[in-house]
PDB file of N, CA and C in Angstrom:
ATOM      1  N   MET A   1     -10.223-125.843 169.108  1.00  0.00           N
ATOM      2  CA  MET A   1     -10.239-125.917 170.547  1.00  0.00           C
ATOM      3  C   MET A   1      -9.130-125.063 171.168  1.00  0.00           C
ATOM      4  N   LEU A   2      -8.138-124.729 170.400  1.00  0.00           N
ATOM      5  CA  LEU A   2      -7.045-123.928 170.938  1.00  0.00           C
ATOM      6  C   LEU A   2      -7.422-122.469 171.094  1.00  0.00           C
ATOM      7  N   SER A   3      -8.328-121.990 170.259  1.00  0.00           N
ATOM      8  CA  SER A   3      -8.654-120.567 170.287  1.00  0.00           C
ATOM      9  C   SER A   3     -10.058-120.272 170.795  1.00  0.00           C
ATOM     10  N   GLY A   4     -10.938-121.233 170.738  1.00  0.00           N
ATOM     11  CA  GLY A   4     -12.303-121.005 171.191  1.00  0.00           C
ATOM     12  C   GLY A   4     -13.295-120.780 170.071  1.00  0.00           C
ATOM     13  N   TYR A   5     -12.847-120.887 168.831  1.00  0.00           N
ATOM     14  CA  TYR A   5     -13.777-120.759 167.713  1.00  0.00           C
ATOM     15  C   TYR A   5     -13.269-121.575 166.525  1.00  0.00           C
ATOM     16  N   PRO A   6     -14.159-121.927 165.597  1.00  0.00           N
ATOM     17  CA  PRO A   6     -13.737-122.745 164.460  1.00  0.00           C
ATOM     18  C   PRO A   6     -12.848-121.949 163.503  1.00  0.00           C
ATOM     19  N   PRO A   7     -12.027-122.639 162.712  1.00  0.00           N
ATOM     20  CA  PRO A   7     -11.107-121.933 161.815  1.00  0.00           C
ATOM     21  C   PRO A   7     -11.807-121.144 160.714  1.00  0.00           C
ATOM     22  N   PHE A   8     -12.934-121.624 160.270  1.00  0.00           N
ATOM     23  CA  PHE A   8     -13.688-120.940 159.226  1.00  0.00           C
ATOM     24  C   PHE A   8     -14.938-120.390 159.875  1.00  0.00           C
ATOM     25  N   ASN A   9     -15.039-119.073 159.867  1.00  0.00           N
ATOM     26  CA  ASN A   9     -16.135-118.436 160.573  1.00  0.00           C
ATOM     27  C   ASN A   9     -16.875-117.499 159.642  1.00  0.00           C
ATOM     28  N   GLY A  10     -18.065-117.117 160.030  1.00  0.00           N
ATOM     29  CA  GLY A  10     -18.861-116.189 159.247  1.00  0.00           C
ATOM     30  C   GLY A  10     -20.131-115.841 159.982  1.00  0.00           C
ATOM     31  N   ASN A  11     -20.900-114.946 159.395  1.00  0.00           N
ATOM     32  CA  ASN A  11     -22.159-114.522 160.011  1.00  0.00           C
ATOM     33  C   ASN A  11     -23.246-115.572 159.892  1.00  0.00           C
ATOM     34  N   ASP A  12     -23.138-116.407 158.866  1.00  0.00           N
ATOM     35  CA  ASP A  12     -24.129-117.461 158.668  1.00  0.00           C
ATOM     36  C   ASP A  12     -23.459-118.631 157.938  1.00  0.00           C
ATOM     37  N   GLU A  13     -24.214-119.671 157.707  1.00  0.00           N
ATOM     38  CA  GLU A  13     -23.669-120.880 157.072  1.00  0.00           C
ATOM     39  C   GLU A  13     -23.098-120.586 155.679  1.00  0.00           C
ATOM     40  N   ASN A  14     -23.737-119.677 154.939  1.00  0.00           N
ATOM     41  CA  ASN A  14     -23.244-119.283 153.618  1.00  0.00           C
ATOM     42  C   ASN A  14     -21.851-118.670 153.686  1.00  0.00           C
ATOM     43  N   ASP A  15     -21.665-117.743 154.625  1.00  0.00           N
ATOM     44  CA  ASP A  15     -20.358-117.109 154.813  1.00  0.00           C
ATOM     45  C   ASP A  15     -19.298-118.133 155.192  1.00  0.00           C
ATOM     46  N   ILE A  16     -19.673-119.057 156.061  1.00  0.00           N
ATOM     47  CA  ILE A  16     -18.734-120.092 156.496  1.00  0.00           C
ATOM     48  C   ILE A  16     -18.317-120.957 155.319  1.00  0.00           C
ATOM     49  N   MET A  17     -19.269-121.370 154.503  1.00  0.00           N
ATOM     50  CA  MET A  17     -18.961-122.225 153.351  1.00  0.00           C
ATOM     51  C   MET A  17     -18.090-121.493 152.329  1.00  0.00           C
ATOM     52  N   LYS A  18     -18.309-120.193 152.159  1.00  0.00           N
ATOM     53  CA  LYS A  18     -17.451-119.413 151.259  1.00  0.00           C
ATOM     54  C   LYS A  18     -16.018-119.377 151.770  1.00  0.00           C
ATOM     55  N   ALA A  19     -15.858-119.201 153.074  1.00  0.00           N
ATOM     56  CA  ALA A  19     -14.517-119.189 153.675  1.00  0.00           C
ATOM     57  C   ALA A  19     -13.841-120.551 153.508  1.00  0.00           C
ATOM     58  N   VAL A  20     -14.601-121.622 153.688  1.00  0.00           N
ATOM     59  CA  VAL A  20     -14.064-122.977 153.509  1.00  0.00           C
ATOM     60  C   VAL A  20     -13.622-123.176 152.072  1.00  0.00           C
ATOM     61  N   GLU A  21     -14.459-122.772 151.123  1.00  0.00           N
ATOM     62  CA  GLU A  21     -14.133-122.925 149.704  1.00  0.00           C
ATOM     63  C   GLU A  21     -12.867-122.173 149.314  1.00  0.00           C
ATOM     64  N   LYS A  22     -12.649-121.011 149.939  1.00  0.00           N
ATOM     65  CA  LYS A  22     -11.456-120.218 149.654  1.00  0.00           C
ATOM     66  C   LYS A  22     -10.246-120.711 150.445  1.00  0.00           C
ATOM     67  N   GLY A  23     -10.494-121.486 151.486  1.00  0.00           N
ATOM     68  CA  GLY A  23      -9.413-121.898 152.371  1.00  0.00           C
ATOM     69  C   GLY A  23      -8.915-120.731 153.193  1.00  0.00           C
ATOM     70  N   ALA A  24      -9.801-119.774 153.454  1.00  0.00           N
ATOM     71  CA  ALA A  24      -9.419-118.527 154.120  1.00  0.00           C
ATOM     72  C   ALA A  24      -9.568-118.624 155.631  1.00  0.00           C
ATOM     73  N   PHE A  25      -8.435-118.568 156.325  1.00  0.00           N
ATOM     74  CA  PHE A  25      -8.446-118.506 157.776  1.00  0.00           C
ATOM     75  C   PHE A  25      -7.217-117.737 158.237  1.00  0.00           C
ATOM     76  N   THR A  26      -7.303-117.163 159.429  1.00  0.00           N
ATOM     77  CA  THR A  26      -6.168-116.412 159.972  1.00  0.00           C
ATOM     78  C   THR A  26      -6.024-116.722 161.459  1.00  0.00           C
ATOM     79  N   PHE A  27      -4.903-116.309 161.993  1.00  0.00           N
ATOM     80  CA  PHE A  27      -4.640-116.412 163.425  1.00  0.00           C
ATOM     81  C   PHE A  27      -4.473-115.019 164.012  1.00  0.00           C
ATOM     82  N   ASP A  28      -5.214-114.061 163.477  1.00  0.00           N
ATOM     83  CA  ASP A  28      -5.027-112.654 163.844  1.00  0.00           C
ATOM     84  C   ASP A  28      -5.682-112.233 165.157  1.00  0.00           C
ATOM     85  N   SER A  29      -6.706-112.922 165.605  1.00  0.00           N
ATOM     86  CA  SER A  29      -7.432-112.454 166.789  1.00  0.00           C
ATOM     87  C   SER A  29      -6.642-112.703 168.070  1.00  0.00           C
ATOM     88  N   PHE A  30      -7.035-112.007 169.116  1.00  0.00           N
ATOM     89  CA  PHE A  30      -6.314-112.084 170.389  1.00  0.00           C
ATOM     90  C   PHE A  30      -6.306-113.491 170.966  1.00  0.00           C
ATOM     91  N   GLU A  31      -7.287-114.310 170.618  1.00  0.00           N
ATOM     92  CA  GLU A  31      -7.349-115.665 171.159  1.00  0.00           C
ATOM     93  C   GLU A  31      -6.145-116.516 170.747  1.00  0.00           C
ATOM     94  N   TRP A  32      -5.487-116.128 169.662  1.00  0.00           N
ATOM     95  CA  TRP A  32      -4.346-116.892 169.157  1.00  0.00           C
ATOM     96  C   TRP A  32      -3.010-116.399 169.704  1.00  0.00           C
ATOM     97  N   GLU A  33      -3.020-115.310 170.476  1.00  0.00           N
ATOM     98  CA  GLU A  33      -1.770-114.721 170.962  1.00  0.00           C
ATOM     99  C   GLU A  33      -0.915-115.696 171.761  1.00  0.00           C
ATOM    100  N   ASN A  34      -1.529-116.537 172.562  1.00  0.00           N
ATOM    101  CA  ASN A  34      -0.784-117.448 173.421  1.00  0.00           C
ATOM    102  C   ASN A  34      -0.686-118.871 172.867  1.00  0.00           C
ATOM    103  N   VAL A  35      -1.107-119.049 171.634  1.00  0.00           N
ATOM    104  CA  VAL A  35      -0.996-120.365 170.998  1.00  0.00           C
ATOM    105  C   VAL A  35       0.377-120.442 170.339  1.00  0.00           C
ATOM    106  N   SER A  36       1.064-121.533 170.565  1.00  0.00           N
ATOM    107  CA  SER A  36       2.438-121.671 170.093  1.00  0.00           C
ATOM    108  C   SER A  36       2.542-121.680 168.569  1.00  0.00           C
ATOM    109  N   PHE A  37       3.720-121.310 168.090  1.00  0.00           N
ATOM    110  CA  PHE A  37       4.024-121.362 166.664  1.00  0.00           C
ATOM    111  C   PHE A  37       3.821-122.783 166.143  1.00  0.00           C
ATOM    112  N   GLU A  38       4.256-123.778 166.925  1.00  0.00           N
ATOM    113  CA  GLU A  38       4.144-125.181 166.509  1.00  0.00           C
ATOM    114  C   GLU A  38       2.688-125.611 166.347  1.00  0.00           C
ATOM    115  N   ALA A  39       1.830-125.167 167.251  1.00  0.00           N
ATOM    116  CA  ALA A  39       0.405-125.497 167.152  1.00  0.00           C
ATOM    117  C   ALA A  39      -0.209-124.845 165.911  1.00  0.00           C
ATOM    118  N   LYS A  40       0.129-123.580 165.677  1.00  0.00           N
ATOM    119  CA  LYS A  40      -0.389-122.878 164.493  1.00  0.00           C
ATOM    120  C   LYS A  40       0.112-123.536 163.213  1.00  0.00           C
ATOM    121  N   SER A  41       1.362-123.942 163.206  1.00  0.00           N
ATOM    122  CA  SER A  41       1.941-124.613 162.049  1.00  0.00           C
ATOM    123  C   SER A  41       1.203-125.922 161.772  1.00  0.00           C
ATOM    124  N   PHE A  42       0.903-126.665 162.823  1.00  0.00           N
ATOM    125  CA  PHE A  42       0.162-127.922 162.693  1.00  0.00           C
ATOM    126  C   PHE A  42      -1.213-127.672 162.072  1.00  0.00           C
ATOM    127  N   ILE A  43      -1.914-126.673 162.580  1.00  0.00           N
ATOM    128  CA  ILE A  43      -3.249-126.353 162.070  1.00  0.00           C
ATOM    129  C   ILE A  43      -3.179-125.926 160.601  1.00  0.00           C
ATOM    130  N   LYS A  44      -2.194-125.103 160.259  1.00  0.00           N
ATOM    131  CA  LYS A  44      -2.034-124.678 158.862  1.00  0.00           C
ATOM    132  C   LYS A  44      -1.862-125.882 157.940  1.00  0.00           C
ATOM    133  N   ARG A  45      -1.087-126.851 158.390  1.00  0.00           N
ATOM    134  CA  ARG A  45      -0.853-128.041 157.565  1.00  0.00           C
ATOM    135  C   ARG A  45      -2.102-128.901 157.436  1.00  0.00           C
ATOM    136  N   LEU A  46      -2.913-128.943 158.483  1.00  0.00           N
ATOM    137  CA  LEU A  46      -4.161-129.694 158.413  1.00  0.00           C
ATOM    138  C   LEU A  46      -5.174-129.046 157.481  1.00  0.00           C
ATOM    139  N   LEU A  47      -5.155-127.716 157.444  1.00  0.00           N
ATOM    140  CA  LEU A  47      -6.155-126.971 156.676  1.00  0.00           C
ATOM    141  C   LEU A  47      -5.633-126.477 155.332  1.00  0.00           C
ATOM    142  N   ASP A  48      -4.464-126.938 154.937  1.00  0.00           N
ATOM    143  CA  ASP A  48      -3.897-126.525 153.651  1.00  0.00           C
ATOM    144  C   ASP A  48      -4.921-126.777 152.548  1.00  0.00           C
ATOM    145  N   TYR A  49      -5.132-125.775 151.720  1.00  0.00           N
ATOM    146  CA  TYR A  49      -6.148-125.842 150.668  1.00  0.00           C
ATOM    147  C   TYR A  49      -5.849-126.928 149.635  1.00  0.00           C
ATOM    148  N   SER A  50      -4.581-127.143 149.360  1.00  0.00           N
ATOM    149  CA  SER A  50      -4.178-128.111 148.347  1.00  0.00           C
ATOM    150  C   SER A  50      -4.116-129.522 148.932  1.00  0.00           C
ATOM    151  N   PRO A  51      -4.907-130.452 148.402  1.00  0.00           N
ATOM    152  CA  PRO A  51      -4.871-131.832 148.903  1.00  0.00           C
ATOM    153  C   PRO A  51      -3.480-132.465 148.793  1.00  0.00           C
ATOM    154  N   ASP A  52      -2.704-132.042 147.807  1.00  0.00           N
ATOM    155  CA  ASP A  52      -1.371-132.618 147.621  1.00  0.00           C
ATOM    156  C   ASP A  52      -0.397-132.215 148.718  1.00  0.00           C
ATOM    157  N   SER A  53      -0.580-131.024 149.288  1.00  0.00           N
ATOM    158  CA  SER A  53       0.344-130.581 150.331  1.00  0.00           C
ATOM    159  C   SER A  53      -0.265-130.635 151.734  1.00  0.00           C
ATOM    160  N   ARG A  54      -1.570-130.934 151.812  1.00  0.00           N
ATOM    161  CA  ARG A  54      -2.239-131.050 153.110  1.00  0.00           C
ATOM    162  C   ARG A  54      -1.730-132.297 153.829  1.00  0.00           C
ATOM    163  N   TYR A  55      -1.640-132.215 155.144  1.00  0.00           N
ATOM    164  CA  TYR A  55      -1.224-133.358 155.956  1.00  0.00           C
ATOM    165  C   TYR A  55      -2.144-134.561 155.740  1.00  0.00           C
ATOM    166  N   SER A  56      -1.549-135.722 155.650  1.00  0.00           N
ATOM    167  CA  SER A  56      -2.311-136.970 155.719  1.00  0.00           C
ATOM    168  C   SER A  56      -2.500-137.288 157.199  1.00  0.00           C
ATOM    169  N   ALA A  57      -3.318-138.284 157.508  1.00  0.00           N
ATOM    170  CA  ALA A  57      -3.504-138.680 158.907  1.00  0.00           C
ATOM    171  C   ALA A  57      -2.172-139.117 159.512  1.00  0.00           C
ATOM    172  N   GLU A  58      -1.389-139.868 158.760  1.00  0.00           N
ATOM    173  CA  GLU A  58      -0.098-140.332 159.273  1.00  0.00           C
ATOM    174  C   GLU A  58       0.850-139.167 159.550  1.00  0.00           C
ATOM    175  N   GLN A  59       0.895-138.215 158.623  1.00  0.00           N
ATOM    176  CA  GLN A  59       1.748-137.042 158.829  1.00  0.00           C
ATOM    177  C   GLN A  59       1.299-136.248 160.051  1.00  0.00           C
ATOM    178  N   ALA A  60      -0.004-136.104 160.211  1.00  0.00           N
ATOM    179  CA  ALA A  60      -0.534-135.360 161.358  1.00  0.00           C
ATOM    180  C   ALA A  60      -0.138-136.038 162.671  1.00  0.00           C
ATOM    181  N   LEU A  61      -0.254-137.341 162.715  1.00  0.00           N
ATOM    182  CA  LEU A  61       0.094-138.067 163.941  1.00  0.00           C
ATOM    183  C   LEU A  61       1.582-138.001 164.253  1.00  0.00           C
ATOM    184  N   ASN A  62       2.396-137.748 163.238  1.00  0.00           N
ATOM    185  CA  ASN A  62       3.839-137.661 163.434  1.00  0.00           C
ATOM    186  C   ASN A  62       4.357-136.238 163.552  1.00  0.00           C
ATOM    187  N   ASP A  63       3.464-135.267 163.530  1.00  0.00           N
ATOM    188  CA  ASP A  63       3.869-133.871 163.688  1.00  0.00           C
ATOM    189  C   ASP A  63       4.483-133.689 165.078  1.00  0.00           C
ATOM    190  N   PRO A  64       5.575-132.914 165.166  1.00  0.00           N
ATOM    191  CA  PRO A  64       6.221-132.702 166.466  1.00  0.00           C
ATOM    192  C   PRO A  64       5.283-132.170 167.553  1.00  0.00           C
ATOM    193  N   TRP A  65       4.343-131.320 167.175  1.00  0.00           N
ATOM    194  CA  TRP A  65       3.436-130.767 168.176  1.00  0.00           C
ATOM    195  C   TRP A  65       2.541-131.860 168.773  1.00  0.00           C
ATOM    196  N   ILE A  66       2.133-132.811 167.955  1.00  0.00           N
ATOM    197  CA  ILE A  66       1.316-133.926 168.436  1.00  0.00           C
ATOM    198  C   ILE A  66       2.183-134.915 169.223  1.00  0.00           C
ATOM    199  N   LYS A  67       3.336-135.235 168.685  1.00  0.00           N
ATOM    200  CA  LYS A  67       4.195-136.240 169.318  1.00  0.00           C
ATOM    201  C   LYS A  67       4.764-135.779 170.656  1.00  0.00           C
ATOM    202  N   TYR A  68       5.159-134.517 170.722  1.00  0.00           N
ATOM    203  CA  TYR A  68       5.867-134.056 171.909  1.00  0.00           C
ATOM    204  C   TYR A  68       5.062-133.090 172.763  1.00  0.00           C
ATOM    205  N   GLY A  69       3.925-132.674 172.246  1.00  0.00           N
ATOM    206  CA  GLY A  69       3.013-131.851 173.022  1.00  0.00           C
ATOM    207  C   GLY A  69       3.428-130.413 173.192  1.00  0.00           C
ATOM    208  N   SER A  70       2.580-129.716 173.850  1.00  0.00           N
ATOM    209  CA  SER A  70       2.782-128.306 174.124  1.00  0.00           C
ATOM    210  C   SER A  70       3.470-128.150 175.474  1.00  0.00           C
ATOM    211  N   THR A  71       4.197-127.057 175.617  1.00  0.00           N
ATOM    212  CA  THR A  71       4.854-126.787 176.891  1.00  0.00           C
ATOM    213  C   THR A  71       3.977-125.946 177.811  1.00  0.00           C
ATOM    214  N   LYS A  72       2.905-125.400 177.276  1.00  0.00           N
ATOM    215  CA  LYS A  72       2.038-124.547 178.088  1.00  0.00           C
ATOM    216  C   LYS A  72       1.194-125.405 179.030  1.00  0.00           C
ATOM    217  N   THR A  73       1.167-125.026 180.297  1.00  0.00           N
ATOM    218  CA  THR A  73       0.417-125.804 181.275  1.00  0.00           C
ATOM    219  C   THR A  73      -0.816-125.064 181.795  1.00  0.00           C
ATOM    220  N   GLU A  74      -0.864-123.750 181.633  1.00  0.00           N
ATOM    221  CA  GLU A  74      -2.015-122.987 182.100  1.00  0.00           C
ATOM    222  C   GLU A  74      -3.107-122.980 181.044  1.00  0.00           C
ATOM    223  N   VAL A  75      -4.352-122.936 181.508  1.00  0.00           N
ATOM    224  CA  VAL A  75      -5.500-122.877 180.613  1.00  0.00           C
ATOM    225  C   VAL A  75      -6.145-121.515 180.774  1.00  0.00           C
ATOM    226  N   ASP A  76      -6.381-120.849 179.670  1.00  0.00           N
ATOM    227  CA  ASP A  76      -7.027-119.540 179.690  1.00  0.00           C
ATOM    228  C   ASP A  76      -8.534-119.742 179.873  1.00  0.00           C
ATOM    229  N   ARG A  77      -9.076-119.206 180.953  1.00  0.00           N
ATOM    230  CA  ARG A  77     -10.485-119.418 181.281  1.00  0.00           C
ATOM    231  C   ARG A  77     -11.411-118.863 180.193  1.00  0.00           C
ATOM    232  N   LYS A  78     -11.121-117.678 179.666  1.00  0.00           N
ATOM    233  CA  LYS A  78     -11.976-117.079 178.633  1.00  0.00           C
ATOM    234  C   LYS A  78     -11.975-117.938 177.381  1.00  0.00           C
ATOM    235  N   VAL A  79     -10.804-118.410 176.966  1.00  0.00           N
ATOM    236  CA  VAL A  79     -10.738-119.262 175.780  1.00  0.00           C
ATOM    237  C   VAL A  79     -11.474-120.566 176.043  1.00  0.00           C
ATOM    238  N   SER A  80     -11.300-121.148 177.227  1.00  0.00           N
ATOM    239  CA  SER A  80     -11.990-122.394 177.562  1.00  0.00           C
ATOM    240  C   SER A  80     -13.505-122.216 177.500  1.00  0.00           C
ATOM    241  N   THR A  81     -13.995-121.107 178.011  1.00  0.00           N
ATOM    242  CA  THR A  81     -15.434-120.824 177.964  1.00  0.00           C
ATOM    243  C   THR A  81     -15.890-120.714 176.517  1.00  0.00           C
ATOM    244  N   ASN A  82     -15.116-120.025 175.678  1.00  0.00           N
ATOM    245  CA  ASN A  82     -15.457-119.898 174.259  1.00  0.00           C
ATOM    246  C   ASN A  82     -15.448-121.254 173.563  1.00  0.00           C
ATOM    247  N   VAL A  83     -14.483-122.097 173.901  1.00  0.00           N
ATOM    248  CA  VAL A  83     -14.397-123.430 173.302  1.00  0.00           C
ATOM    249  C   VAL A  83     -15.690-124.189 173.561  1.00  0.00           C
ATOM    250  N   PHE A  84     -16.119-124.235 174.806  1.00  0.00           N
ATOM    251  CA  PHE A  84     -17.324-124.987 175.141  1.00  0.00           C
ATOM    252  C   PHE A  84     -18.576-124.392 174.514  1.00  0.00           C
ATOM    253  N   ALA A  85     -18.676-123.089 174.490  1.00  0.00           N
ATOM    254  CA  ALA A  85     -19.837-122.441 173.863  1.00  0.00           C
ATOM    255  C   ALA A  85     -19.881-122.759 172.374  1.00  0.00           C
ATOM    256  N   ASN A  86     -18.732-122.705 171.718  1.00  0.00           N
ATOM    257  CA  ASN A  86     -18.694-122.992 170.285  1.00  0.00           C
ATOM    258  C   ASN A  86     -18.927-124.465 169.982  1.00  0.00           C
ATOM    259  N   LEU A  87     -18.468-125.354 170.840  1.00  0.00           N
ATOM    260  CA  LEU A  87     -18.753-126.776 170.657  1.00  0.00           C
ATOM    261  C   LEU A  87     -20.249-127.045 170.753  1.00  0.00           C
ATOM    262  N   LYS A  88     -20.920-126.352 171.670  1.00  0.00           N
ATOM    263  CA  LYS A  88     -22.371-126.507 171.785  1.00  0.00           C
ATOM    264  C   LYS A  88     -23.062-126.033 170.506  1.00  0.00           C
ATOM    265  N   LYS A  89     -22.644-124.876 169.987  1.00  0.00           N
ATOM    266  CA  LYS A  89     -23.227-124.356 168.737  1.00  0.00           C
ATOM    267  C   LYS A  89     -22.983-125.324 167.589  1.00  0.00           C
ATOM    268  N   PHE A  90     -21.755-125.841 167.515  1.00  0.00           N
ATOM    269  CA  PHE A  90     -21.396-126.765 166.456  1.00  0.00           C
ATOM    270  C   PHE A  90     -22.265-128.022 166.533  1.00  0.00           C
ATOM    271  N   ARG A  91     -22.475-128.536 167.726  1.00  0.00           N
ATOM    272  CA  ARG A  91     -23.310-129.722 167.920  1.00  0.00           C
ATOM    273  C   ARG A  91     -24.720-129.466 167.406  1.00  0.00           C
ATOM    274  N   VAL A  92     -25.264-128.300 167.726  1.00  0.00           N
ATOM    275  CA  VAL A  92     -26.610-127.947 167.273  1.00  0.00           C
ATOM    276  C   VAL A  92     -26.648-127.891 165.748  1.00  0.00           C
ATOM    277  N   LEU A  93     -25.631-127.276 165.121  1.00  0.00           N
ATOM    278  CA  LEU A  93     -25.595-127.206 163.655  1.00  0.00           C
ATOM    279  C   LEU A  93     -25.536-128.597 163.034  1.00  0.00           C
ATOM    280  N   ILE A  94     -24.739-129.471 163.608  1.00  0.00           N
ATOM    281  CA  ILE A  94     -24.628-130.833 163.095  1.00  0.00           C
ATOM    282  C   ILE A  94     -25.971-131.546 163.201  1.00  0.00           C
ATOM    283  N   ILE A  95     -26.609-131.409 164.347  1.00  0.00           N
ATOM    284  CA  ILE A  95     -27.898-132.050 164.546  1.00  0.00           C
ATOM    285  C   ILE A  95     -28.921-131.525 163.542  1.00  0.00           C
ATOM    286  N   LEU A  96     -28.946-130.207 163.346  1.00  0.00           N
ATOM    287  CA  LEU A  96     -29.886-129.621 162.396  1.00  0.00           C
ATOM    288  C   LEU A  96     -29.597-130.066 160.967  1.00  0.00           C
ATOM    289  N   ASN A  97     -28.320-130.115 160.597  1.00  0.00           N
ATOM    290  CA  ASN A  97     -27.951-130.497 159.241  1.00  0.00           C
ATOM    291  C   ASN A  97     -28.168-131.967 158.968  1.00  0.00           C
ATOM    292  N   LEU A  98     -28.038-132.817 159.965  1.00  0.00           N
ATOM    293  CA  LEU A  98     -28.208-134.252 159.776  1.00  0.00           C
ATOM    294  C   LEU A  98     -29.640-134.696 160.056  1.00  0.00           C
ATOM    295  N   GLY A  99     -30.420-133.795 160.628  1.00  0.00           N
ATOM    296  CA  GLY A  99     -31.799-134.135 160.961  1.00  0.00           C
ATOM    297  C   GLY A  99     -31.883-135.089 162.148  1.00  0.00           C
ATOM    298  N   CYS A 100     -30.868-135.085 162.993  1.00  0.00           N
ATOM    299  CA  CYS A 100     -30.827-135.964 164.167  1.00  0.00           C
ATOM    300  C   CYS A 100     -31.490-135.286 165.351  1.00  0.00           C
ATOM    301  N   LYS A 101     -31.787-136.087 166.338  1.00  0.00           N
ATOM    302  CA  LYS A 101     -32.336-135.537 167.591  1.00  0.00           C
ATOM    303  C   LYS A 101     -31.609-136.110 168.758  1.00  0.00           C
TER     304      LYS A 101
END
């Protein structure tokens, strides 16, 4: 939700699953330019490939970024639009994969 797209991306579901399996993600695109170091650090810890070093739920809830929040008060309209568009796509994928209506 911070950048407007999911952390693991690809051209199709196969590409996405390969990226997930590798634990491959970056913050290189322009959408991440205004996201704080603390937010990126939090996300890295949540998505750490190794279960032993990945954040637990308790650790995540106690992360400084979660506890004390972000200092940024402005919302980027383009990123917000991307967030909502991607959430809609994600919802459709979930519905298709679960066979729900």
